C-alpha atoms as a PDB file:
ATOM      1  CA  UNK A   1      -0.061  25.136  19.062  1.00  0.00           C
ATOM      2  CA  UNK A   2       2.978  24.720  16.799  1.00  0.00           C
ATOM      3  CA  UNK A   3       6.405  24.675  18.405  1.00  0.00           C
ATOM      4  CA  UNK A   4       7.508  27.529  16.165  1.00  0.00           C
ATOM      5  CA  UNK A   5       4.903  29.645  17.976  1.00  0.00           C
ATOM      6  CA  UNK A   6       6.192  28.435  21.353  1.00  0.00           C
ATOM      7  CA  UNK A   7       9.856  29.176  20.685  1.00  0.00           C
ATOM      8  CA  UNK A   8       9.961  31.437  23.757  1.00  0.00           C
ATOM      9  CA  UNK A   9       9.859  28.285  25.907  1.00  0.00           C
ATOM     10  CA  UNK A  10      13.168  27.120  24.385  1.00  0.00           C
ATOM     11  CA  UNK A  11      15.187  30.296  24.843  1.00  0.00           C
ATOM     12  CA  UNK A  12      18.150  30.665  27.165  1.00  0.00           C
ATOM     13  CA  UNK A  13      18.423  33.476  29.683  1.00  0.00           C
ATOM     14  CA  UNK A  14      19.176  36.694  27.829  1.00  0.00           C
ATOM     15  CA  UNK A  15      18.269  35.174  24.440  1.00  0.00           C
ATOM     16  CA  UNK A  16      15.588  36.920  22.401  1.00  0.00           C
ATOM     17  CA  UNK A  17      13.852  36.235  19.084  1.00  0.00           C
ATOM     18  CA  UNK A  18      14.897  38.401  16.145  1.00  0.00           C
ATOM     19  CA  UNK A  19      12.643  36.907  13.465  1.00  0.00           C
ATOM     20  CA  UNK A  20      10.629  33.785  12.748  1.00  0.00           C
ATOM     21  CA  UNK A  21       9.049  32.219   9.677  1.00  0.00           C
ATOM     22  CA  UNK A  22       6.314  29.594   9.943  1.00  0.00           C
ATOM     23  CA  UNK A  23       5.920  26.977   7.215  1.00  0.00           C
ATOM     24  CA  UNK A  24       3.069  24.493   7.626  1.00  0.00           C
ATOM     25  CA  UNK A  25       3.470  22.708  10.949  1.00  0.00           C
ATOM     26  CA  UNK A  26       7.090  23.805  11.247  1.00  0.00           C
ATOM     27  CA  UNK A  27       9.260  26.790  10.584  1.00  0.00           C
ATOM     28  CA  UNK A  28      12.455  28.524  11.628  1.00  0.00           C
ATOM     29  CA  UNK A  29      13.277  30.988  14.389  1.00  0.00           C
ATOM     30  CA  UNK A  30      16.373  33.188  14.421  1.00  0.00           C
ATOM     31  CA  UNK A  31      17.390  34.379  17.872  1.00  0.00           C
ATOM     32  CA  UNK A  32      20.260  36.505  19.092  1.00  0.00           C
ATOM     33  CA  UNK A  33      22.255  33.298  19.704  1.00  0.00           C
ATOM     34  CA  UNK A  34      20.886  30.447  17.586  1.00  0.00           C
ATOM     35  CA  UNK A  35      18.787  29.210  14.702  1.00  0.00           C
ATOM     36  CA  UNK A  36      15.900  26.978  15.785  1.00  0.00           C
ATOM     37  CA  UNK A  37      14.477  24.811  13.000  1.00  0.00           C
ATOM     38  CA  UNK A  38      11.227  22.869  13.394  1.00  0.00           C
ATOM     39  CA  UNK A  39      10.775  20.198  10.712  1.00  0.00           C
ATOM     40  CA  UNK A  40       7.972  17.795  11.733  1.00  0.00           C
ATOM     41  CA  UNK A  41       7.016  17.254   8.074  1.00  0.00           C
ATOM     42  CA  UNK A  42      10.449  15.991   6.990  1.00  0.00           C
ATOM     43  CA  UNK A  43      12.558  12.905   7.655  1.00  0.00           C
ATOM     44  CA  UNK A  44      14.828  12.929  10.688  1.00  0.00           C
ATOM     45  CA  UNK A  45      14.423  14.875  13.931  1.00  0.00           C
ATOM     46  CA  UNK A  46      11.563  17.304  14.367  1.00  0.00           C
ATOM     47  CA  UNK A  47      13.823  19.966  15.851  1.00  0.00           C
ATOM     48  CA  UNK A  48      17.373  21.152  15.309  1.00  0.00           C
ATOM     49  CA  UNK A  49      19.300  24.033  16.780  1.00  0.00           C
ATOM     50  CA  UNK A  50      22.502  25.595  15.479  1.00  0.00           C
ATOM     51  CA  UNK A  51      24.625  28.327  16.986  1.00  0.00           C
ATOM     52  CA  UNK A  52      24.588  31.348  14.711  1.00  0.00           C
ATOM     53  CA  UNK A  53      28.377  31.420  14.116  1.00  0.00           C
ATOM     54  CA  UNK A  54      28.026  27.978  12.488  1.00  0.00           C
ATOM     55  CA  UNK A  55      25.378  29.152  10.021  1.00  0.00           C
ATOM     56  CA  UNK A  56      27.199  30.041   6.807  1.00  0.00           C
ATOM     57  CA  UNK A  57      24.228  30.995   4.669  1.00  0.00           C
ATOM     58  CA  UNK A  58      20.598  30.464   3.745  1.00  0.00           C
ATOM     59  CA  UNK A  59      19.182  30.086   0.253  1.00  0.00           C
ATOM     60  CA  UNK A  60      16.349  28.713  -1.849  1.00  0.00           C
ATOM     61  CA  UNK A  61      16.905  25.519  -3.820  1.00  0.00           C
ATOM     62  CA  UNK A  62      14.865  22.776  -5.445  1.00  0.00           C
ATOM     63  CA  UNK A  63      15.004  19.073  -4.766  1.00  0.00           C
ATOM     64  CA  UNK A  64      13.755  16.002  -6.631  1.00  0.00           C
ATOM     65  CA  UNK A  65      14.360  12.277  -7.065  1.00  0.00           C
ATOM     66  CA  UNK A  66      17.428  12.234  -9.314  1.00  0.00           C
ATOM     67  CA  UNK A  67      16.893   8.541 -10.158  1.00  0.00           C
ATOM     68  CA  UNK A  68      13.756   9.497 -12.118  1.00  0.00           C
ATOM     69  CA  UNK A  69      15.623  12.287 -13.909  1.00  0.00           C
ATOM     70  CA  UNK A  70      18.482   9.955 -14.879  1.00  0.00           C
ATOM     71  CA  UNK A  71      16.196   7.210 -16.194  1.00  0.00           C
ATOM     72  CA  UNK A  72      14.019   9.712 -18.012  1.00  0.00           C
ATOM     73  CA  UNK A  73      16.959  11.325 -19.808  1.00  0.00           C
ATOM     74  CA  UNK A  74      18.343   7.920 -20.818  1.00  0.00           C
ATOM     75  CA  UNK A  75      14.979   6.873 -22.250  1.00  0.00           C
ATOM     76  CA  UNK A  76      14.646  10.220 -24.030  1.00  0.00           C
ATOM     77  CA  UNK A  77      18.043   9.888 -25.711  1.00  0.00           C
ATOM     78  CA  UNK A  78      17.411   6.241 -26.648  1.00  0.00           C
ATOM     79  CA  UNK A  79      14.019   7.090 -28.124  1.00  0.00           C
ATOM     80  CA  UNK A  80      15.394   9.933 -30.250  1.00  0.00           C
ATOM     81  CA  UNK A  81      18.285   7.794 -31.518  1.00  0.00           C
ATOM     82  CA  UNK A  82      15.985   4.902 -32.461  1.00  0.00           C
ATOM     83  CA  UNK A  83      13.492   7.093 -34.281  1.00  0.00           C
ATOM     84  CA  UNK A  84      16.181   8.996 -36.203  1.00  0.00           C
ATOM     85  CA  UNK A  85      17.970   5.762 -37.120  1.00  0.00           C
ATOM     86  CA  UNK A  86      14.719   4.158 -38.237  1.00  0.00           C
ATOM     87  CA  UNK A  87      13.956   7.092 -40.515  1.00  0.00           C
ATOM     88  CA  UNK A  88      17.434   7.450 -41.993  1.00  0.00           C
ATOM     89  CA  UNK A  89      18.176   3.764 -42.622  1.00  0.00           C
ATOM     90  CA  UNK A  90      15.968   1.991 -45.181  1.00  0.00           C
ATOM     91  CA  UNK A  91      16.627  -1.699 -44.694  1.00  0.00           C
ATOM     92  CA  UNK A  92      13.920  -2.654 -47.203  1.00  0.00           C
ATOM     93  CA  UNK A  93      16.152  -1.502 -50.066  1.00  0.00           C
ATOM     94  CA  UNK A  94      19.142  -3.349 -48.653  1.00  0.00           C
ATOM     95  CA  UNK A  95      17.495  -6.754 -48.505  1.00  0.00           C
ATOM     96  CA  UNK A  96      15.000  -6.278 -51.353  1.00  0.00           C
ATOM     97  CA  UNK A  97      17.520  -7.327 -53.994  1.00  0.00           C
ATOM     98  CA  UNK A  98      18.343 -10.632 -52.310  1.00  0.00           C
ATOM     99  CA  UNK A  99      16.507 -13.521 -53.996  1.00  0.00           C
ATOM    100  CA  UNK A 100      16.076 -17.021 -52.621  1.00  0.00           C
ATOM    101  CA  UNK A 101      14.432 -18.448 -55.769  1.00  0.00           C
ATOM    102  CA  UNK A 102      17.113 -21.109 -55.944  1.00  0.00           C
ATOM    103  CA  UNK A 103      15.670 -22.779 -52.853  1.00  0.00           C
ATOM    104  CA  UNK A 104      14.639 -25.798 -54.974  1.00  0.00           C
ATOM    105  CA  UNK A 105      18.233 -26.524 -55.826  1.00  0.00           C
ATOM    106  CA  UNK A 106      19.210 -25.952 -52.250  1.00  0.00           C
ATOM    107  CA  UNK A 107      16.584 -28.458 -51.170  1.00  0.00           C
ATOM    108  CA  UNK A 108      18.251 -31.077 -53.307  1.00  0.00           C
ATOM    109  CA  UNK A 109      21.441 -30.389 -51.440  1.00  0.00           C
ATOM    110  CA  UNK A 110      19.732 -30.628 -48.066  1.00  0.00           C
ATOM    111  CA  UNK A 111      19.882 -26.870 -47.405  1.00  0.00           C
ATOM    112  CA  UNK A 112      16.147 -26.199 -47.431  1.00  0.00           C
ATOM    113  CA  UNK A 113      15.916 -25.640 -43.686  1.00  0.00           C
ATOM    114  CA  UNK A 114      18.827 -23.207 -43.667  1.00  0.00           C
ATOM    115  CA  UNK A 115      17.397 -21.256 -46.590  1.00  0.00           C
ATOM    116  CA  UNK A 116      14.075 -21.002 -44.767  1.00  0.00           C
ATOM    117  CA  UNK A 117      15.807 -19.629 -41.692  1.00  0.00           C
ATOM    118  CA  UNK A 118      17.714 -17.171 -43.860  1.00  0.00           C
ATOM    119  CA  UNK A 119      14.469 -16.027 -45.447  1.00  0.00           C
ATOM    120  CA  UNK A 120      12.932 -15.391 -42.024  1.00  0.00           C
ATOM    121  CA  UNK A 121      15.976 -13.384 -40.988  1.00  0.00           C
ATOM    122  CA  UNK A 122      15.782 -11.267 -44.134  1.00  0.00           C
ATOM    123  CA  UNK A 123      12.089 -10.600 -43.539  1.00  0.00           C
ATOM    124  CA  UNK A 124      12.823  -9.516 -39.979  1.00  0.00           C
ATOM    125  CA  UNK A 125      15.721  -7.360 -41.150  1.00  0.00           C
ATOM    126  CA  UNK A 126      13.476  -5.631 -43.683  1.00  0.00           C
ATOM    127  CA  UNK A 127      11.136  -4.669 -40.847  1.00  0.00           C
ATOM    128  CA  UNK A 128      13.890  -3.581 -38.469  1.00  0.00           C
ATOM    129  CA  UNK A 129      13.653   0.115 -39.355  1.00  0.00           C
ATOM    130  CA  UNK A 130       9.930   0.075 -38.566  1.00  0.00           C
ATOM    131  CA  UNK A 131      10.640  -1.739 -35.312  1.00  0.00           C
ATOM    132  CA  UNK A 132      13.249   0.853 -34.363  1.00  0.00           C
ATOM    133  CA  UNK A 133      10.697   3.625 -34.817  1.00  0.00           C
ATOM    134  CA  UNK A 134       8.134   1.664 -32.811  1.00  0.00           C
ATOM    135  CA  UNK A 135      10.483   1.066 -29.884  1.00  0.00           C
ATOM    136  CA  UNK A 136      11.734   4.647 -30.168  1.00  0.00           C
ATOM    137  CA  UNK A 137       8.181   5.897 -29.737  1.00  0.00           C
ATOM    138  CA  UNK A 138       7.695   3.613 -26.720  1.00  0.00           C
ATOM    139  CA  UNK A 139      10.945   4.910 -25.217  1.00  0.00           C
ATOM    140  CA  UNK A 140       9.787   8.521 -25.659  1.00  0.00           C
ATOM    141  CA  UNK A 141       6.464   7.713 -24.009  1.00  0.00           C
ATOM    142  CA  UNK A 142       8.304   6.095 -21.097  1.00  0.00           C
ATOM    143  CA  UNK A 143      10.590   9.119 -20.838  1.00  0.00           C
ATOM    144  CA  UNK A 144       7.581  11.468 -20.706  1.00  0.00           C
ATOM    145  CA  UNK A 145       6.054   9.492 -17.824  1.00  0.00           C
ATOM    146  CA  UNK A 146       9.293   9.260 -15.837  1.00  0.00           C
ATOM    147  CA  UNK A 147      10.176  12.929 -16.326  1.00  0.00           C
ATOM    148  CA  UNK A 148       6.636  13.818 -15.298  1.00  0.00           C
ATOM    149  CA  UNK A 149       7.098  11.882 -12.060  1.00  0.00           C
ATOM    150  CA  UNK A 150      10.394  13.694 -11.495  1.00  0.00           C
ATOM    151  CA  UNK A 151       8.754  17.087 -12.044  1.00  0.00           C
ATOM    152  CA  UNK A 152       5.994  16.118  -9.609  1.00  0.00           C
ATOM    153  CA  UNK A 153       8.555  15.053  -6.983  1.00  0.00           C
ATOM    154  CA  UNK A 154      10.415  18.376  -7.092  1.00  0.00           C
ATOM    155  CA  UNK A 155       9.888  20.777  -4.228  1.00  0.00           C
ATOM    156  CA  UNK A 156      11.178  24.182  -3.238  1.00  0.00           C
ATOM    157  CA  UNK A 157      13.401  24.122  -0.157  1.00  0.00           C
ATOM    158  CA  UNK A 158      14.840  26.628   2.261  1.00  0.00           C
ATOM    159  CA  UNK A 159      18.366  25.430   3.059  1.00  0.00           C
ATOM    160  CA  UNK A 160      20.606  26.633   5.888  1.00  0.00           C
ATOM    161  CA  UNK A 161      24.282  25.840   5.280  1.00  0.00           C
ATOM    162  CA  UNK A 162      25.849  24.656   8.550  1.00  0.00           C
ATOM    163  CA  UNK A 163      29.597  24.400   9.116  1.00  0.00           C
ATOM    164  CA  UNK A 164      30.686  20.900  10.146  1.00  0.00           C
ATOM    165  CA  UNK A 165      27.152  19.452  10.139  1.00  0.00           C
ATOM    166  CA  UNK A 166      24.394  18.446   7.766  1.00  0.00           C
ATOM    167  CA  UNK A 167      22.502  21.344   6.237  1.00  0.00           C
ATOM    168  CA  UNK A 168      19.044  22.135   7.545  1.00  0.00           C
ATOM    169  CA  UNK A 169      16.291  21.770   4.949  1.00  0.00           C
ATOM    170  CA  UNK A 170      12.766  23.098   5.307  1.00  0.00           C
ATOM    171  CA  UNK A 171       9.911  23.466   2.881  1.00  0.00           C
ATOM    172  CA  UNK A 172      10.305  26.933   1.408  1.00  0.00           C
ATOM    173  CA  UNK A 173       7.663  29.454   2.499  1.00  0.00           C
ATOM    174  CA  UNK A 174       5.389  30.974  -0.121  1.00  0.00           C
ATOM    175  CA  UNK A 175       6.271  34.512   0.881  1.00  0.00           C
ATOM    176  CA  UNK A 176       8.954  35.948  -1.408  1.00  0.00           C
ATOM    177  CA  UNK A 177      10.311  38.216   1.311  1.00  0.00           C
ATOM    178  CA  UNK A 178      10.953  35.398   3.802  1.00  0.00           C
ATOM    179  CA  UNK A 179      14.453  34.673   2.476  1.00  0.00           C
ATOM    180  CA  UNK A 180      15.510  38.324   2.716  1.00  0.00           C
ATOM    181  CA  UNK A 181      13.961  38.497   6.171  1.00  0.00           C
ATOM    182  CA  UNK A 182      16.072  35.566   7.391  1.00  0.00           C
ATOM    183  CA  UNK A 183      19.256  36.811   5.738  1.00  0.00           C
ATOM    184  CA  UNK A 184      18.839  40.226   7.304  1.00  0.00           C
ATOM    185  CA  UNK A 185      18.385  38.667  10.749  1.00  0.00           C
ATOM    186  CA  UNK A 186      21.332  36.280  10.366  1.00  0.00           C
ATOM    187  CA  UNK A 187      23.764  38.648   8.700  1.00  0.00           C
ATOM    188  CA  UNK A 188      23.003  42.226   9.782  1.00  0.00           C
ATOM    189  CA  UNK A 189      24.308  44.810   7.366  1.00  0.00           C
ATOM    190  CA  UNK A 190      24.596  42.274   4.528  1.00  0.00           C
ATOM    191  CA  UNK A 191      20.944  42.185   3.544  1.00  0.00           C
ATOM    192  CA  UNK A 192      19.641  43.473   0.206  1.00  0.00           C
ATOM    193  CA  UNK A 193      19.240  47.242  -0.181  1.00  0.00           C
ATOM    194  CA  UNK A 194      15.803  48.729   0.275  1.00  0.00           C
ATOM    195  CA  UNK A 195      14.629  49.856  -3.206  1.00  0.00           C
ATOM    196  CA  UNK A 196      12.182  52.349  -1.626  1.00  0.00           C
ATOM    197  CA  UNK A 197      15.009  54.297  -0.030  1.00  0.00           C
ATOM    198  CA  UNK A 198      17.555  56.124  -2.156  1.00  0.00           C
ATOM    199  CA  UNK A 199      20.362  58.127  -0.654  1.00  0.00           C
ATOM    200  CA  UNK A 200      20.832  61.610  -2.099  1.00  0.00           C
ATOM    201  CA  UNK A 201      24.504  62.715  -2.194  1.00  0.00           C
ATOM    202  CA  UNK A 202      25.203  65.615   0.099  1.00  0.00           C
ATOM    203  CA  UNK A 203      26.504  67.740  -2.789  1.00  0.00           C
ATOM    204  CA  UNK A 204      23.446  67.031  -4.951  1.00  0.00           C
ATOM    205  CA  UNK A 205      20.839  69.761  -5.346  1.00  0.00           C
ATOM    206  CA  UNK A 206      17.653  69.185  -3.362  1.00  0.00           C
END
């Protein structure tokens, strides 16, 4: 049996359970005095308890590996810049007018090797715009993979804000009403209004 279902064994004298939400092998129990969190599926201790006056709030949030997001965005920006630059800059026209036909005369002066190296550099420069588009496409593909891993690593969490201590994080339950249920138990009178009940002013006609 899960500990969240055995929370009665952990209560003090005079302490009673007000509400509890089970999530997988763990869950959270709100009593008249404390919040009992069971987190066997997460890093750290399997069980934490916090006095209710130290609980400042509870909310849904999402979590993911920010390193993947950072690397993915960098690769995305680099890929877009390279592709746009490769399309806007035509290096073929810049180096197409340069002629090395005088290489014979240069050979007589002992400059043949240098002219050959210069020719190779010009050939590479003429292909640079195509290379930028190629590497830009590779960067976009890398960004898609990394951002996909980041999206896969994201999870929905139920987070209890605790004064003076680390927050308590649990996997968020699938039930949409669980958050309102916990807020109502923790902060009586501050829960969301019931849409099924509408007050009729006393001076309004029946």
